[in-house]
Amino acid sequence: MSEERECCSSKTKKRSEPEYKDLIHRLNRIEGQVRGIKGMVERDAYCTDILVQVAAVNAALNSFNRVLLANHMKTCVIQDIKEGREETVEELLATLQKLMK
């Protein structure tokens, strides 16, 4: 019996220190890039310059997603399958559908 989840799961994951530091570092850089874009808008920067920076943020978010997804598959998904929780595959497929919109 699989349960539907709207936005967020009640599950948690204890990440290794290197994984945690890498993800936080990536998010801090993305946050800085977004603040930079906000500053560009506030300073009336040229549209093309802002668009280039937005593209950089999108690339950074995509990279973050790839790293997080790979870590998820290598840890959570494999562990759940080994423990007989094959519904995790359906959860992964649903997540991939959302990511590919």
Protein backbone atom coordinates (compact mmCIF):
# COMPACT_ATOMS: atom_id res chain seq x y z
CA MET A 1 0.00 0.00 0.00
CA SER A 2 1.68 3.21 -1.16
CA GLU A 3 0.71 6.59 0.22
CA GLU A 4 0.40 9.72 -1.92
CA ARG A 5 2.50 12.70 -0.92
CA GLU A 6 1.68 16.17 -2.12
CA CYS A 7 4.77 18.28 -1.56
CA CYS A 8 7.06 17.02 1.08
CA SER A 9 7.68 13.69 2.70
CA SER A 10 7.75 13.00 6.40
CA LYS A 11 10.86 10.90 5.73
CA THR A 12 14.26 12.24 6.66
CA LYS A 13 17.79 11.31 5.63
CA LYS A 14 21.00 11.58 7.60
CA ARG A 15 23.59 12.79 5.08
CA SER A 16 27.29 12.19 5.35
CA GLU A 17 29.36 15.24 6.27
CA PRO A 18 30.90 15.57 2.76
CA GLU A 19 27.50 15.27 1.06
CA TYR A 20 25.96 17.79 3.47
CA LYS A 21 28.81 20.28 2.99
CA ASP A 22 28.69 19.94 -0.80
CA LEU A 23 24.92 20.51 -0.96
CA ILE A 24 25.05 23.49 1.43
CA HIS A 25 27.98 24.99 -0.51
CA ARG A 26 26.03 24.69 -3.76
CA LEU A 27 22.92 26.24 -2.21
CA ASN A 28 24.91 29.11 -0.71
CA ARG A 29 26.40 29.86 -4.15
CA ILE A 30 22.94 29.75 -5.75
CA GLU A 31 21.56 32.02 -3.04
CA GLY A 32 24.36 34.49 -3.72
CA GLN A 33 23.68 34.38 -7.44
CA VAL A 34 19.97 35.11 -6.85
CA ARG A 35 20.85 38.03 -4.57
CA GLY A 36 23.15 39.27 -7.34
CA ILE A 37 20.29 39.14 -9.84
CA LYS A 38 18.06 41.05 -7.44
CA GLY A 39 20.78 43.70 -7.15
CA MET A 40 21.03 43.90 -10.93
CA VAL A 41 17.28 44.54 -11.18
CA GLU A 42 17.50 47.15 -8.43
CA ARG A 43 20.35 48.87 -10.32
CA ASP A 44 18.39 48.78 -13.60
CA ALA A 45 20.93 46.48 -15.28
CA TYR A 46 20.49 45.69 -18.94
CA CYS A 47 18.01 42.86 -19.59
CA THR A 48 20.46 40.63 -21.44
CA ASP A 49 22.94 40.82 -18.59
CA ILE A 50 20.25 39.74 -16.13
CA LEU A 51 19.11 36.92 -18.40
CA VAL A 52 22.65 35.55 -18.59
CA GLN A 53 22.82 35.48 -14.80
CA VAL A 54 19.41 33.78 -14.58
CA ALA A 55 20.67 31.12 -16.99
CA ALA A 56 23.67 30.58 -14.69
CA VAL A 57 21.33 30.11 -11.70
CA ASN A 58 19.22 27.63 -13.69
CA ALA A 59 22.37 25.67 -14.58
CA ALA A 60 23.46 25.67 -10.93
CA LEU A 61 20.04 24.43 -9.79
CA ASN A 62 20.09 21.70 -12.44
CA SER A 63 23.54 20.65 -11.24
CA PHE A 64 22.29 20.61 -7.63
CA ASN A 65 19.36 18.41 -8.69
CA ARG A 66 21.66 15.97 -10.52
CA VAL A 67 23.95 15.61 -7.49
CA LEU A 68 21.05 15.22 -5.06
CA LEU A 69 19.28 12.71 -7.32
CA ALA A 70 22.44 10.64 -7.76
CA ASN A 71 23.01 10.60 -4.00
CA HIS A 72 19.36 9.64 -3.44
CA MET A 73 19.57 6.76 -5.88
CA LYS A 74 22.89 5.50 -4.49
CA THR A 75 21.67 5.55 -0.89
CA CYS A 76 17.93 5.75 -0.20
CA VAL A 77 16.62 3.95 -3.29
CA ILE A 78 19.14 1.10 -3.16
CA GLN A 79 18.64 0.63 0.57
CA ASP A 80 14.84 0.59 0.25
CA ILE A 81 14.94 -1.96 -2.58
CA LYS A 82 17.31 -4.19 -0.58
CA GLU A 83 14.83 -3.99 2.29
CA GLY A 84 11.95 -5.00 0.00
CA ARG A 85 10.31 -1.57 -0.30
CA GLU A 86 9.86 -1.63 -4.05
CA GLU A 87 7.32 1.22 -3.88
CA THR A 88 10.38 3.46 -3.72
CA VAL A 89 10.83 2.87 -7.46
CA GLU A 90 7.35 4.31 -8.10
CA GLU A 91 8.20 7.26 -5.85
CA LEU A 92 11.41 7.81 -7.82
CA LEU A 93 9.56 7.65 -11.14
CA ALA A 94 7.01 10.21 -9.90
CA THR A 95 9.84 12.47 -8.78
CA LEU A 96 11.56 12.18 -12.16
CA GLN A 97 8.28 13.11 -13.90
CA LYS A 98 8.12 16.28 -11.79
CA LEU A 99 11.76 17.13 -12.53
CA MET A 100 11.27 16.71 -16.27
CA LYS A 101 8.35 19.13 -16.64
